[in-house]
Amino acid sequence: MLPEHLKFDYDIIYIRIKKVVFDLVFSIIGVDYMKKLKSEKKLCLICMEEHEVDIVEMIDTEIFKGEEVTFKAIYEYCNVGDELLETEEMIRANSLAMKDAYKIMDGYKKL
């Protein structure tokens, strides 16, 4: 069993590796897993610079009630830092999308 401080580092590494794998797989099959919905010029809270920040939709996976749930999520994307950010509104919307996907998944299990 890993100590707690190593689990956090492992989670960050796992997320980064997962993103690299997604990038590789989707580039091979010619599909972009991040769909750009719009752009806004504003202060980016990731890099703290003013530039075009993309609002993107992508497929995300979370663990909810012990189950892996896949759903469409919306994030802000910083091209400078190559990172995603969730605003408070996006956190609420993504949480609801995940719970809706879980309900659908749970319904199929009961069939």
C-alpha atoms as a PDB file:
ATOM      1  CA  MET A   1       0.000   0.000   0.000  1.00  0.00           C
ATOM      2  CA  LEU A   2       1.332   3.424  -0.963  1.00  0.00           C
ATOM      3  CA  PRO A   3       1.569   6.263   1.575  1.00  0.00           C
ATOM      4  CA  GLU A   4      -0.985   9.078   1.098  1.00  0.00           C
ATOM      5  CA  HIS A   5       1.521  11.612  -0.264  1.00  0.00           C
ATOM      6  CA  LEU A   6       2.512   9.192  -3.045  1.00  0.00           C
ATOM      7  CA  LYS A   7      -1.109   8.470  -3.999  1.00  0.00           C
ATOM      8  CA  PHE A   8      -1.619  12.149  -4.905  1.00  0.00           C
ATOM      9  CA  ASP A   9       1.435  12.124  -7.159  1.00  0.00           C
ATOM     10  CA  TYR A  10       0.250   8.850  -8.710  1.00  0.00           C
ATOM     11  CA  ASP A  11      -3.180  10.373  -9.481  1.00  0.00           C
ATOM     12  CA  ILE A  12      -1.600  13.375 -11.232  1.00  0.00           C
ATOM     13  CA  ILE A  13       0.702  11.110 -13.252  1.00  0.00           C
ATOM     14  CA  TYR A  14      -2.246   8.846 -14.163  1.00  0.00           C
ATOM     15  CA  ILE A  15      -4.314  11.817 -15.386  1.00  0.00           C
ATOM     16  CA  ARG A  16      -1.409  13.133 -17.475  1.00  0.00           C
ATOM     17  CA  ILE A  17      -0.704   9.680 -18.960  1.00  0.00           C
ATOM     18  CA  LYS A  18      -4.416   9.239 -19.700  1.00  0.00           C
ATOM     19  CA  LYS A  19      -4.436  12.589 -21.561  1.00  0.00           C
ATOM     20  CA  VAL A  20      -1.344  11.604 -23.581  1.00  0.00           C
ATOM     21  CA  VAL A  21      -2.929   8.255 -24.462  1.00  0.00           C
ATOM     22  CA  PHE A  22      -6.201   9.976 -25.462  1.00  0.00           C
ATOM     23  CA  ASP A  23      -4.233  12.446 -27.619  1.00  0.00           C
ATOM     24  CA  LEU A  24      -2.341   9.609 -29.304  1.00  0.00           C
ATOM     25  CA  VAL A  25      -5.344   7.348 -29.919  1.00  0.00           C
ATOM     26  CA  PHE A  26      -7.594  10.120 -31.166  1.00  0.00           C
ATOM     27  CA  SER A  27      -4.869  11.514 -33.451  1.00  0.00           C
ATOM     28  CA  ILE A  28      -4.339   8.036 -34.943  1.00  0.00           C
ATOM     29  CA  ILE A  29      -8.040   7.575 -35.725  1.00  0.00           C
ATOM     30  CA  GLY A  30      -8.388  11.203 -36.797  1.00  0.00           C
ATOM     31  CA  VAL A  31     -10.807  12.377 -34.131  1.00  0.00           C
ATOM     32  CA  ASP A  32     -10.312  15.305 -31.766  1.00  0.00           C
ATOM     33  CA  TYR A  33     -11.604  14.426 -28.308  1.00  0.00           C
ATOM     34  CA  MET A  34     -11.957  18.115 -27.373  1.00  0.00           C
ATOM     35  CA  LYS A  35     -14.662  19.944 -29.283  1.00  0.00           C
ATOM     36  CA  LYS A  36     -14.240  23.732 -29.162  1.00  0.00           C
ATOM     37  CA  LEU A  37     -17.578  25.376 -28.392  1.00  0.00           C
ATOM     38  CA  LYS A  38     -16.405  29.016 -28.305  1.00  0.00           C
ATOM     39  CA  SER A  39     -13.524  31.316 -27.349  1.00  0.00           C
ATOM     40  CA  GLU A  40     -13.424  34.365 -25.087  1.00  0.00           C
ATOM     41  CA  LYS A  41     -10.640  36.889 -24.616  1.00  0.00           C
ATOM     42  CA  LYS A  42     -10.222  37.193 -20.853  1.00  0.00           C
ATOM     43  CA  LEU A  43      -7.817  36.788 -17.952  1.00  0.00           C
ATOM     44  CA  CYS A  44      -6.890  33.122 -17.891  1.00  0.00           C
ATOM     45  CA  LEU A  45      -6.892  31.774 -14.337  1.00  0.00           C
ATOM     46  CA  ILE A  46      -4.386  29.064 -15.285  1.00  0.00           C
ATOM     47  CA  CYS A  47      -1.510  31.149 -16.685  1.00  0.00           C
ATOM     48  CA  MET A  48      -2.697  34.543 -15.337  1.00  0.00           C
ATOM     49  CA  GLU A  49      -2.363  36.170 -18.780  1.00  0.00           C
ATOM     50  CA  GLU A  50      -5.057  37.788 -20.922  1.00  0.00           C
ATOM     51  CA  HIS A  51      -5.641  35.755 -24.097  1.00  0.00           C
ATOM     52  CA  GLU A  52      -8.267  33.712 -25.954  1.00  0.00           C
ATOM     53  CA  VAL A  53      -9.565  31.009 -23.596  1.00  0.00           C
ATOM     54  CA  ASP A  54     -11.446  28.172 -25.288  1.00  0.00           C
ATOM     55  CA  ILE A  55     -14.625  26.647 -23.891  1.00  0.00           C
ATOM     56  CA  VAL A  56     -14.422  22.959 -24.827  1.00  0.00           C
ATOM     57  CA  GLU A  57     -16.588  19.877 -24.558  1.00  0.00           C
ATOM     58  CA  MET A  58     -14.890  16.534 -24.089  1.00  0.00           C
ATOM     59  CA  ILE A  59     -15.503  12.999 -22.958  1.00  0.00           C
ATOM     60  CA  ASP A  60     -14.554  12.610 -19.292  1.00  0.00           C
ATOM     61  CA  THR A  61     -14.529   9.659 -16.919  1.00  0.00           C
ATOM     62  CA  GLU A  62     -15.064   9.804 -13.156  1.00  0.00           C
ATOM     63  CA  ILE A  63     -15.593   7.267 -10.397  1.00  0.00           C
ATOM     64  CA  PHE A  64     -19.071   7.663  -8.861  1.00  0.00           C
ATOM     65  CA  LYS A  65     -20.455   5.258  -6.251  1.00  0.00           C
ATOM     66  CA  GLY A  66     -17.663   2.822  -7.064  1.00  0.00           C
ATOM     67  CA  GLU A  67     -18.478   2.779 -10.797  1.00  0.00           C
ATOM     68  CA  GLU A  68     -16.523   4.328 -13.667  1.00  0.00           C
ATOM     69  CA  VAL A  69     -18.882   6.754 -15.416  1.00  0.00           C
ATOM     70  CA  THR A  70     -18.188   8.315 -18.830  1.00  0.00           C
ATOM     71  CA  PHE A  71     -19.968  11.531 -19.806  1.00  0.00           C
ATOM     72  CA  LYS A  72     -19.623  14.777 -21.786  1.00  0.00           C
ATOM     73  CA  ALA A  73     -18.028  17.555 -19.722  1.00  0.00           C
ATOM     74  CA  ILE A  74     -17.372  21.247 -20.385  1.00  0.00           C
ATOM     75  CA  TYR A  75     -14.137  23.017 -19.402  1.00  0.00           C
ATOM     76  CA  GLU A  76     -12.113  26.141 -20.068  1.00  0.00           C
ATOM     77  CA  TYR A  77      -8.907  25.316 -21.941  1.00  0.00           C
ATOM     78  CA  CYS A  78      -5.681  27.347 -21.758  1.00  0.00           C
ATOM     79  CA  ASN A  79      -3.544  26.960 -24.893  1.00  0.00           C
ATOM     80  CA  VAL A  80      -0.561  28.525 -23.118  1.00  0.00           C
ATOM     81  CA  GLY A  81      -0.510  26.114 -20.178  1.00  0.00           C
ATOM     82  CA  ASP A  82      -2.170  23.221 -22.061  1.00  0.00           C
ATOM     83  CA  GLU A  83      -4.475  22.696 -19.068  1.00  0.00           C
ATOM     84  CA  LEU A  84      -8.180  22.526 -18.331  1.00  0.00           C
ATOM     85  CA  LEU A  85     -10.089  24.532 -15.728  1.00  0.00           C
ATOM     86  CA  GLU A  86     -13.635  24.180 -14.378  1.00  0.00           C
ATOM     87  CA  THR A  87     -15.523  27.258 -13.276  1.00  0.00           C
ATOM     88  CA  GLU A  88     -18.058  26.903 -10.473  1.00  0.00           C
ATOM     89  CA  GLU A  89     -20.875  26.807 -13.035  1.00  0.00           C
ATOM     90  CA  MET A  90     -19.050  24.122 -15.048  1.00  0.00           C
ATOM     91  CA  ILE A  91     -18.481  22.039 -11.903  1.00  0.00           C
ATOM     92  CA  ARG A  92     -22.240  22.031 -11.280  1.00  0.00           C
ATOM     93  CA  ALA A  93     -23.101  21.234 -14.910  1.00  0.00           C
ATOM     94  CA  ASN A  94     -20.466  18.480 -15.170  1.00  0.00           C
ATOM     95  CA  SER A  95     -21.611  16.949 -11.890  1.00  0.00           C
ATOM     96  CA  LEU A  96     -25.194  16.794 -13.168  1.00  0.00           C
ATOM     97  CA  ALA A  97     -24.038  15.301 -16.487  1.00  0.00           C
ATOM     98  CA  MET A  98     -22.066  12.634 -14.613  1.00  0.00           C
ATOM     99  CA  LYS A  99     -25.038  11.771 -12.379  1.00  0.00           C
ATOM    100  CA  ASP A 100     -27.355  11.594 -15.400  1.00  0.00           C
ATOM    101  CA  ALA A 101     -24.906   9.239 -17.144  1.00  0.00           C
ATOM    102  CA  TYR A 102     -24.718   7.130 -13.971  1.00  0.00           C
ATOM    103  CA  LYS A 103     -28.521   6.845 -13.827  1.00  0.00           C
ATOM    104  CA  ILE A 104     -28.618   5.665 -17.446  1.00  0.00           C
ATOM    105  CA  MET A 105     -25.803   3.196 -16.802  1.00  0.00           C
ATOM    106  CA  ASP A 106     -27.489   1.957 -13.622  1.00  0.00           C
ATOM    107  CA  GLY A 107     -30.781   1.529 -15.494  1.00  0.00           C
ATOM    108  CA  TYR A 108     -29.112  -0.719 -18.077  1.00  0.00           C
ATOM    109  CA  LYS A 109     -27.649  -2.887 -15.327  1.00  0.00           C
ATOM    110  CA  LYS A 110     -31.120  -3.536 -13.934  1.00  0.00           C
ATOM    111  CA  LEU A 111     -32.458  -4.829 -17.255  1.00  0.00           C
END
